[in-house]
Amino acid sequence: MRMILVHGISQEGKSEKIILDEWLTPLRAALAKQGSDPIGRLSRIEAVFYGDLLGSNSSPWLKSETLPMGAEEASDDFDDFAVEALEAMAISIGVTRAEIEAEAADTTVPMGKGPHKKWLKAIARAVEKISPLKGAMALRVLGEAHAYIRNKYVHNLVNNNIRPVFEDDEPAIIISHSLGTVVSYALLREFERNNRSRQSPLWLTLGSPLGIDVVRKSFTKPRIRPSGVSRWVNAADPEDFVALHSALSAPDFGPDIENFSDVENGPENPHGIAGYLSDVRVAKAIIEAIP
């Protein structure tokens, strides 16, 4: 039995070793509180790293530090992809339709750019007034999700980098976070289509954007638990802006998902991996999955 760690957004400049250190420290502490640390019984722990690949191949506006929120530089395709999701995110933190419409009334875009660009800019500005941090995070996760989901070159680049870790037929506990849950789901489905279902006693999706409509709909039906996954546990902090829908369940992803929808990561970083790996239920699920 081995373990695979799949990171999410904003990990540029790190490495497999840094990911291992950042994840295993809180996880081992949580396991120790349960009076058990079965990590030593694993054959190995592998952290994938694709942060630099994704960061350097995502939409150009992600790298801009001169334009507020970055939305001005988004492509038309991104506008179409992101506007509905960003609006849902805005509403979730208390932005009203009236506030968005007020911003739209003062927003201009170049001729021929279409209504989505104007509306996206208006939502981004409304969110920025309430929480610049959440606005930047929303655009970051939607931008990197857009690059991975809509751009075949980026999709293949990331998958080709990660696939070798999944190639090994030894069963693996898969712990995925943020956009890493999307990447993991795509790879698990790919292996299943090729009649090589990956055997996993436990797949953890932590702070997952899979429930965002535009992300969920990027996967063709049936959207269900991969057959090789014995147990799918999804955990979300209600304040996690990326996990817009804290529970993943039927009819979107089938009935076979356990949801911990009340994780408490603290106010400073509700999306942080350390908080998720410190949750007692997450630790117990890992303990139960290791023989």
Protein backbone atom coordinates (compact mmCIF):
# COMPACT_ATOMS: atom_id res chain seq x y z
CA MET A 1 0.00 0.00 0.00
CA ARG A 2 1.28 3.44 -0.93
CA MET A 3 0.00 7.02 -0.76
CA ILE A 4 -0.26 9.69 -3.47
CA LEU A 5 -0.58 13.42 -2.67
CA VAL A 6 -2.04 15.68 -5.39
CA HIS A 7 -1.80 19.41 -4.70
CA GLY A 8 -4.02 22.23 -5.95
CA ILE A 9 -3.74 25.89 -6.97
CA SER A 10 -0.99 28.43 -6.38
CA GLN A 11 1.88 26.03 -5.77
CA GLU A 12 4.42 27.58 -8.14
CA GLY A 13 8.02 27.50 -6.97
CA LYS A 14 7.56 24.47 -4.75
CA SER A 15 8.62 20.84 -5.31
CA GLU A 16 7.63 17.30 -4.47
CA LYS A 17 9.71 17.50 -1.28
CA ILE A 18 8.09 20.74 -0.16
CA ILE A 19 4.62 19.29 -0.76
CA LEU A 20 5.55 16.19 1.26
CA ASP A 21 6.82 18.29 4.16
CA GLU A 22 3.84 20.65 4.16
CA TRP A 23 1.30 17.82 4.08
CA LEU A 24 2.89 15.16 6.28
CA THR A 25 3.60 17.47 9.21
CA PRO A 26 -0.07 18.23 10.02
CA LEU A 27 -1.16 14.74 8.99
CA ARG A 28 1.27 13.00 11.35
CA ALA A 29 0.21 15.34 14.16
CA ALA A 30 -3.45 14.47 13.56
CA LEU A 31 -2.68 10.75 13.45
CA ALA A 32 -0.69 11.00 16.68
CA LYS A 33 -3.71 12.53 18.41
CA GLN A 34 -5.61 9.38 17.46
CA GLY A 35 -2.91 7.30 19.11
CA SER A 36 -1.90 5.78 15.79
CA ASP A 37 0.61 6.56 13.08
CA PRO A 38 0.28 3.87 10.40
CA ILE A 39 2.22 5.90 7.84
CA GLY A 40 5.27 3.73 8.45
CA ARG A 41 3.38 0.71 7.14
CA LEU A 42 3.07 2.27 3.69
CA SER A 43 5.55 1.18 1.04
CA ARG A 44 6.10 4.82 0.05
CA ILE A 45 4.47 8.25 -0.15
CA GLU A 46 4.65 10.12 -3.44
CA ALA A 47 3.80 13.78 -3.94
CA VAL A 48 3.16 14.89 -7.49
CA PHE A 49 4.16 18.41 -8.49
CA TYR A 50 2.75 20.26 -11.47
CA GLY A 51 2.51 23.78 -10.00
CA ASP A 52 5.16 25.35 -12.22
CA LEU A 53 3.79 23.68 -15.35
CA LEU A 54 0.26 24.90 -14.68
CA GLY A 55 1.29 28.33 -13.48
CA SER A 56 3.40 29.04 -16.55
CA ASN A 57 0.78 27.75 -18.98
CA SER A 58 -2.40 29.23 -17.53
CA SER A 59 -4.16 32.34 -18.78
CA PRO A 60 -1.79 35.33 -19.08
CA TRP A 61 -3.87 37.47 -16.73
CA LEU A 62 -2.90 35.21 -13.83
CA LYS A 63 0.61 36.67 -13.97
CA SER A 64 -0.47 40.30 -14.10
CA GLU A 65 0.15 42.41 -11.00
CA THR A 66 -0.99 45.67 -12.55
CA LEU A 67 -4.68 45.01 -13.22
CA PRO A 68 -7.02 44.74 -10.21
CA MET A 69 -8.40 41.19 -9.92
CA GLY A 70 -6.88 40.36 -13.30
CA ALA A 71 -10.23 39.94 -15.04
CA GLU A 72 -9.48 42.58 -17.67
CA GLU A 73 -6.94 40.29 -19.32
CA ALA A 74 -9.12 37.18 -19.38
CA SER A 75 -9.86 35.66 -22.75
CA ASP A 76 -13.40 35.54 -24.11
CA ASP A 77 -13.37 31.78 -23.62
CA PHE A 78 -12.47 32.28 -19.96
CA ASP A 79 -15.29 34.81 -19.59
CA ASP A 80 -17.77 32.26 -20.85
CA PHE A 81 -16.28 29.60 -18.58
CA ALA A 82 -16.05 31.62 -15.40
CA VAL A 83 -18.90 34.09 -15.22
CA GLU A 84 -21.56 31.77 -13.79
CA ALA A 85 -19.17 30.23 -11.26
CA LEU A 86 -17.82 33.59 -10.13
CA GLU A 87 -21.36 34.90 -9.66
CA ALA A 88 -22.24 31.90 -7.47
CA MET A 89 -19.07 32.46 -5.46
CA ALA A 90 -19.92 36.14 -5.04
CA ILE A 91 -23.41 35.39 -3.79
CA SER A 92 -22.00 32.85 -1.33
CA ILE A 93 -20.07 35.62 0.47
CA GLY A 94 -22.97 38.07 0.51
CA VAL A 95 -22.60 40.05 -2.73
CA THR A 96 -26.06 40.99 -3.99
CA ARG A 97 -27.35 41.05 -7.54
CA ALA A 98 -28.01 44.77 -7.08
CA GLU A 99 -24.36 45.37 -6.18
CA ILE A 100 -23.20 43.48 -9.27
CA GLU A 101 -25.62 45.42 -11.48
CA ALA A 102 -24.36 48.68 -9.99
CA GLU A 103 -20.80 47.72 -10.87
CA ALA A 104 -21.91 46.68 -14.36
CA ALA A 105 -23.45 50.10 -14.93
CA ASP A 106 -20.01 51.66 -14.40
CA THR A 107 -18.07 49.00 -16.30
CA THR A 108 -16.89 49.40 -19.86
CA VAL A 109 -15.26 46.84 -22.14
CA PRO A 110 -13.86 47.11 -25.67
CA MET A 111 -16.40 46.90 -28.46
CA GLY A 112 -17.24 43.39 -29.54
CA LYS A 113 -16.03 41.75 -26.34
CA GLY A 114 -19.52 40.58 -25.41
CA PRO A 115 -21.68 40.67 -22.28
CA HIS A 116 -19.75 38.03 -20.35
CA LYS A 117 -16.58 40.10 -20.16
CA LYS A 118 -18.50 43.08 -18.79
CA TRP A 119 -20.43 40.97 -16.29
CA LEU A 120 -17.28 39.14 -15.16
CA LYS A 121 -15.51 42.43 -14.50
CA ALA A 122 -18.54 43.71 -12.59
CA ILE A 123 -18.69 40.61 -10.38
CA ALA A 124 -14.94 40.71 -9.75
CA ARG A 125 -15.14 44.34 -8.65
CA ALA A 126 -18.12 43.63 -6.38
CA VAL A 127 -16.25 40.74 -4.76
CA GLU A 128 -13.10 42.83 -4.39
CA LYS A 129 -15.01 45.39 -2.31
CA ILE A 130 -15.98 42.69 0.19
CA SER A 131 -12.85 40.54 0.09
CA PRO A 132 -9.91 41.19 -2.24
CA LEU A 133 -8.31 37.94 -1.02
CA LYS A 134 -11.34 35.83 -1.95
CA GLY A 135 -11.69 37.59 -5.27
CA ALA A 136 -8.09 36.85 -6.17
CA MET A 137 -8.47 33.24 -5.03
CA ALA A 138 -11.65 32.76 -7.07
CA LEU A 139 -10.02 34.03 -10.22
CA ARG A 140 -6.93 31.96 -9.52
CA VAL A 141 -8.81 28.68 -9.15
CA LEU A 142 -11.12 29.41 -12.08
CA GLY A 143 -8.18 30.48 -14.23
CA GLU A 144 -6.16 27.36 -13.52
CA ALA A 145 -9.25 25.14 -13.79
CA HIS A 146 -10.04 26.78 -17.14
CA ALA A 147 -6.50 26.13 -18.38
CA TYR A 148 -6.60 22.49 -17.29
CA ILE A 149 -10.15 21.74 -18.45
CA ARG A 150 -10.44 23.76 -21.67
CA ASN A 151 -6.90 23.79 -23.03
CA LYS A 152 -5.95 20.38 -24.43
CA TYR A 153 -2.24 21.23 -24.46
CA VAL A 154 -2.23 22.23 -20.78
CA HIS A 155 -4.44 19.27 -19.86
CA ASN A 156 -2.05 16.83 -21.50
CA LEU A 157 1.00 18.60 -20.13
CA VAL A 158 -0.25 18.24 -16.55
CA ASN A 159 -1.54 14.68 -16.99
CA ASN A 160 1.65 13.50 -18.66
CA ASN A 161 3.57 14.84 -15.68
CA ILE A 162 1.36 13.10 -13.10
CA ARG A 163 0.32 9.90 -14.90
CA PRO A 164 3.55 7.97 -14.17
CA VAL A 165 2.77 8.05 -10.45
CA PHE A 166 -0.68 6.56 -11.14
CA GLU A 167 0.74 3.95 -13.54
CA ASP A 168 2.01 1.72 -10.75
CA ASP A 169 -0.53 -1.04 -10.08
CA GLU A 170 0.13 -1.07 -6.33
CA PRO A 171 -3.04 0.10 -4.50
CA ALA A 172 -2.79 3.67 -3.27
CA ILE A 173 -4.53 5.99 -0.86
CA ILE A 174 -5.05 9.18 -2.89
CA ILE A 175 -5.20 12.50 -1.02
CA SER A 176 -6.11 15.39 -3.30
CA HIS A 177 -6.68 19.05 -2.53
CA SER A 178 -8.28 21.93 -4.40
CA LEU A 179 -7.69 21.68 -8.16
CA GLY A 180 -5.84 18.44 -7.44
CA THR A 181 -9.25 16.81 -6.90
CA VAL A 182 -10.17 17.71 -10.49
CA VAL A 183 -6.87 16.40 -11.83
CA SER A 184 -7.19 13.18 -9.81
CA TYR A 185 -10.75 12.60 -10.99
CA ALA A 186 -9.71 13.12 -14.62
CA LEU A 187 -6.88 10.60 -14.31
CA LEU A 188 -8.95 8.02 -12.44
CA ARG A 189 -11.59 8.23 -15.17
CA GLU A 190 -8.94 7.99 -17.87
CA PHE A 191 -7.51 4.78 -16.41
CA GLU A 192 -11.00 3.35 -16.06
CA ARG A 193 -11.81 4.09 -19.71
CA ASN A 194 -8.67 2.17 -20.61
CA ASN A 195 -9.83 -0.81 -18.53
CA ARG A 196 -7.10 -0.20 -15.96
CA SER A 197 -9.05 1.04 -12.96
CA ARG A 198 -6.71 2.24 -10.25
CA GLN A 199 -7.20 0.38 -6.98
CA SER A 200 -7.58 2.76 -4.07
CA PRO A 201 -9.00 1.91 -0.63
CA LEU A 202 -9.50 5.63 0.00
CA TRP A 203 -9.72 8.73 -2.17
CA LEU A 204 -9.87 11.99 -0.23
CA THR A 205 -11.07 15.15 -1.97
CA LEU A 206 -10.32 18.16 0.24
CA GLY A 207 -11.53 21.70 -0.50
CA SER A 208 -12.72 20.52 -3.89
CA PRO A 209 -14.11 22.73 -6.68
CA LEU A 210 -15.69 19.66 -8.34
CA GLY A 211 -19.13 20.87 -7.24
CA ILE A 212 -18.87 24.15 -9.18
CA ASP A 213 -21.21 23.76 -12.12
CA VAL A 214 -18.75 24.72 -14.82
CA VAL A 215 -16.17 22.30 -13.41
CA ARG A 216 -18.62 19.45 -12.81
CA LYS A 217 -20.10 19.77 -16.29
CA SER A 218 -16.65 19.45 -17.86
CA PHE A 219 -16.87 15.73 -17.05
CA THR A 220 -19.22 13.66 -19.18
CA LYS A 221 -21.83 11.48 -17.55
CA PRO A 222 -21.91 9.16 -15.75
CA ARG A 223 -20.11 11.15 -13.07
CA ILE A 224 -19.73 8.54 -10.35
CA ARG A 225 -17.16 7.08 -7.98
CA PRO A 226 -14.49 5.32 -10.07
CA SER A 227 -14.95 1.56 -9.73
CA GLY A 228 -11.46 0.97 -8.32
CA VAL A 229 -12.04 3.43 -5.46
CA SER A 230 -13.42 1.60 -2.44
CA ARG A 231 -14.19 4.71 -0.39
CA TRP A 232 -14.58 8.32 -1.52
CA VAL A 233 -14.48 10.87 1.29
CA ASN A 234 -15.05 14.54 0.50
CA ALA A 235 -14.27 17.18 3.14
CA ALA A 236 -15.00 20.92 3.02
CA ASP A 237 -14.91 23.90 5.33
CA PRO A 238 -18.18 25.86 4.86
CA GLU A 239 -16.05 29.01 4.62
CA ASP A 240 -13.82 27.53 1.92
CA PHE A 241 -14.45 29.74 -1.08
CA VAL A 242 -13.05 27.18 -3.53
CA ALA A 243 -15.31 24.38 -2.30
CA LEU A 244 -18.37 26.32 -3.39
CA HIS A 245 -20.61 23.28 -2.86
CA SER A 246 -19.31 21.62 0.27
CA ALA A 247 -21.06 18.30 -0.37
CA LEU A 248 -20.60 16.12 -3.45
CA SER A 249 -23.51 13.75 -3.88
CA ALA A 250 -26.27 12.44 -6.15
CA PRO A 251 -27.35 13.39 -8.74
CA ASP A 252 -24.07 15.14 -9.54
CA PHE A 253 -21.53 12.46 -8.60
CA GLY A 254 -23.59 9.49 -7.47
CA PRO A 255 -24.64 8.33 -4.01
CA ASP A 256 -21.38 6.71 -2.93
CA ILE A 257 -19.59 9.67 -1.36
CA GLU A 258 -19.09 10.39 2.34
CA ASN A 259 -19.18 14.14 2.99
CA PHE A 260 -17.61 15.94 5.92
CA SER A 261 -19.13 19.34 5.18
CA ASP A 262 -18.34 21.08 8.48
CA VAL A 263 -14.55 21.03 8.67
CA GLU A 264 -13.16 23.88 10.76
CA ASN A 265 -9.94 25.19 9.22
CA GLY A 266 -10.01 28.49 11.08
CA PRO A 267 -10.64 31.99 9.70
CA GLU A 268 -7.17 32.73 8.36
CA ASN A 269 -7.10 30.15 5.56
CA PRO A 270 -10.28 28.05 5.23
CA HIS A 271 -8.87 26.54 2.04
CA GLY A 272 -5.52 25.53 3.51
CA ILE A 273 -4.40 21.91 3.28
CA ALA A 274 -3.05 21.88 6.85
CA GLY A 275 -6.51 22.43 8.29
CA TYR A 276 -8.02 19.62 6.26
CA LEU A 277 -5.30 17.14 7.19
CA SER A 278 -5.74 18.07 10.86
CA ASP A 279 -9.42 17.10 10.88
CA VAL A 280 -10.04 14.09 13.14
CA ARG A 281 -12.38 12.39 10.65
CA VAL A 282 -9.88 12.72 7.83
CA ALA A 283 -7.19 11.19 10.05
CA LYS A 284 -9.48 8.32 11.05
CA ALA A 285 -10.35 7.59 7.42
CA ILE A 286 -6.64 7.30 6.62
CA ILE A 287 -6.03 5.05 9.64
CA GLU A 288 -8.88 2.78 8.56
CA ALA A 289 -7.53 2.53 5.01
CA ILE A 290 -4.05 1.31 5.98
CA PRO A 291 -3.87 -2.41 6.78
